[in-house]
Amino acid sequence: MTMTTEYAEKRSYRRVSIECAIYYKMLDSSVVEEEMGHVANLSGRGLMFIAERGVPINAELEIRISPGNELTPPLRARVKVVRMEKQRRGGGYEIGAVIQQTYEE
């Protein structure tokens, strides 16, 4: 008996579901305040997070993710927003971003 998979994963990196806070700010804005959201998933190339306010597509953000345990190092990076959709349930926005550059802590 042979089994076939109907769906072929086209991503170069596998998504990992995580639940932790993300802090972000727009790089091309005069506003220097950080906003806070919640990471839904992360891969080697990008991430998806939930935020209270929408972020424009193509906006560049500086992000900071601290998983809250000693085994997983924090992530600081510059990302570019490639997707933003209002959540079907809840009042927030799903924001998809591609990692452009990572920074040392």
Protein backbone atom coordinates (compact mmCIF):
# COMPACT_ATOMS: atom_id res chain seq x y z
CA MET A 1 0.00 0.00 0.00
CA THR A 2 1.39 3.40 -0.93
CA MET A 3 0.30 6.64 0.61
CA THR A 4 0.56 9.97 -1.10
CA THR A 5 0.35 13.42 0.33
CA GLU A 6 -2.02 15.80 -1.39
CA TYR A 7 -0.29 18.88 -0.04
CA ALA A 8 3.33 19.73 -0.84
CA GLU A 9 4.98 22.20 1.54
CA LYS A 10 6.46 25.01 -0.52
CA ARG A 11 8.18 26.84 2.31
CA SER A 12 11.94 26.65 2.71
CA TYR A 13 11.61 26.72 6.51
CA ARG A 14 9.08 24.96 8.69
CA ARG A 15 6.82 27.15 10.85
CA VAL A 16 6.94 26.61 14.59
CA SER A 17 3.97 27.62 16.71
CA ILE A 18 5.04 29.64 19.73
CA GLU A 19 3.28 31.81 22.24
CA CYS A 20 5.25 34.75 23.57
CA ALA A 21 5.28 38.53 23.52
CA ILE A 22 6.76 40.55 20.69
CA TYR A 23 7.80 44.19 20.99
CA TYR A 24 8.07 46.17 17.78
CA LYS A 25 8.43 49.69 16.42
CA MET A 26 8.30 51.14 12.95
CA LEU A 27 11.72 52.14 11.64
CA ASP A 28 10.58 54.86 9.25
CA SER A 29 8.38 56.68 11.76
CA SER A 30 8.92 59.55 14.13
CA VAL A 31 7.11 57.50 16.80
CA VAL A 32 9.70 55.76 18.96
CA GLU A 33 7.28 53.98 21.28
CA GLU A 34 7.29 50.22 21.13
CA GLU A 35 4.03 48.39 20.54
CA MET A 36 3.37 44.95 21.96
CA GLY A 37 1.81 41.92 20.31
CA HIS A 38 1.87 38.13 20.54
CA VAL A 39 3.84 35.82 18.26
CA ALA A 40 1.76 33.03 16.71
CA ASN A 41 4.45 31.29 14.65
CA LEU A 42 8.08 31.68 13.65
CA SER A 43 10.31 30.20 10.96
CA GLY A 44 13.86 30.67 9.77
CA ARG A 45 12.67 33.30 7.31
CA GLY A 46 9.72 35.06 8.95
CA LEU A 47 7.00 35.23 11.54
CA MET A 48 3.33 35.91 12.11
CA PHE A 49 2.14 37.90 15.09
CA ILE A 50 -1.08 39.35 16.41
CA ALA A 51 -1.28 43.08 17.15
CA GLU A 52 -4.03 45.41 18.33
CA ARG A 53 -3.35 47.87 15.51
CA GLY A 54 -2.65 47.24 11.86
CA VAL A 55 0.77 47.86 10.34
CA PRO A 56 1.11 48.94 6.69
CA ILE A 57 2.36 46.38 4.17
CA ASN A 58 6.02 47.04 3.26
CA ALA A 59 6.63 48.78 6.60
CA GLU A 60 9.96 47.95 8.19
CA LEU A 61 9.90 47.12 11.87
CA GLU A 62 12.49 46.46 14.52
CA ILE A 63 11.28 43.52 16.60
CA ARG A 64 12.29 42.01 19.91
CA ILE A 65 11.11 38.57 21.01
CA SER A 66 12.03 37.23 24.45
CA PRO A 67 10.68 33.70 24.87
CA GLY A 68 10.90 33.86 28.66
CA ASN A 69 13.05 30.81 29.31
CA GLU A 70 16.79 30.33 29.60
CA LEU A 71 17.00 27.65 26.88
CA THR A 72 15.76 29.82 24.02
CA PRO A 73 17.76 32.95 23.18
CA PRO A 74 15.95 36.23 22.47
CA LEU A 75 15.57 37.46 18.89
CA ARG A 76 16.16 41.03 17.72
CA ALA A 77 15.65 41.68 14.03
CA ARG A 78 14.59 44.05 11.28
CA VAL A 79 11.56 42.70 9.42
CA LYS A 80 9.42 43.77 6.47
CA VAL A 81 5.64 43.41 6.70
CA VAL A 82 4.29 41.35 3.79
CA ARG A 83 0.76 40.59 5.01
CA MET A 84 -1.78 42.22 7.30
CA GLU A 85 -5.33 40.98 7.82
CA LYS A 86 -8.01 41.71 10.36
CA GLN A 87 -8.57 38.67 12.58
CA ARG A 88 -11.76 36.76 11.94
CA ARG A 89 -12.26 36.39 15.67
CA GLY A 90 -11.14 39.11 18.02
CA GLY A 91 -10.28 42.71 17.41
CA GLY A 92 -6.65 42.42 16.39
CA TYR A 93 -4.65 42.00 13.20
CA GLU A 94 -2.57 39.10 11.89
CA ILE A 95 0.73 40.49 10.64
CA GLY A 96 3.12 38.44 8.52
CA ALA A 97 6.70 39.62 8.16
CA VAL A 98 9.92 38.48 6.49
CA ILE A 99 13.15 38.70 8.48
CA GLN A 100 15.55 41.08 6.72
CA GLN A 101 18.38 41.17 9.28
CA THR A 102 19.06 39.81 12.75
CA TYR A 103 20.93 41.72 15.46
CA GLU A 104 23.19 40.52 18.24
CA GLU A 105 21.75 40.98 21.73
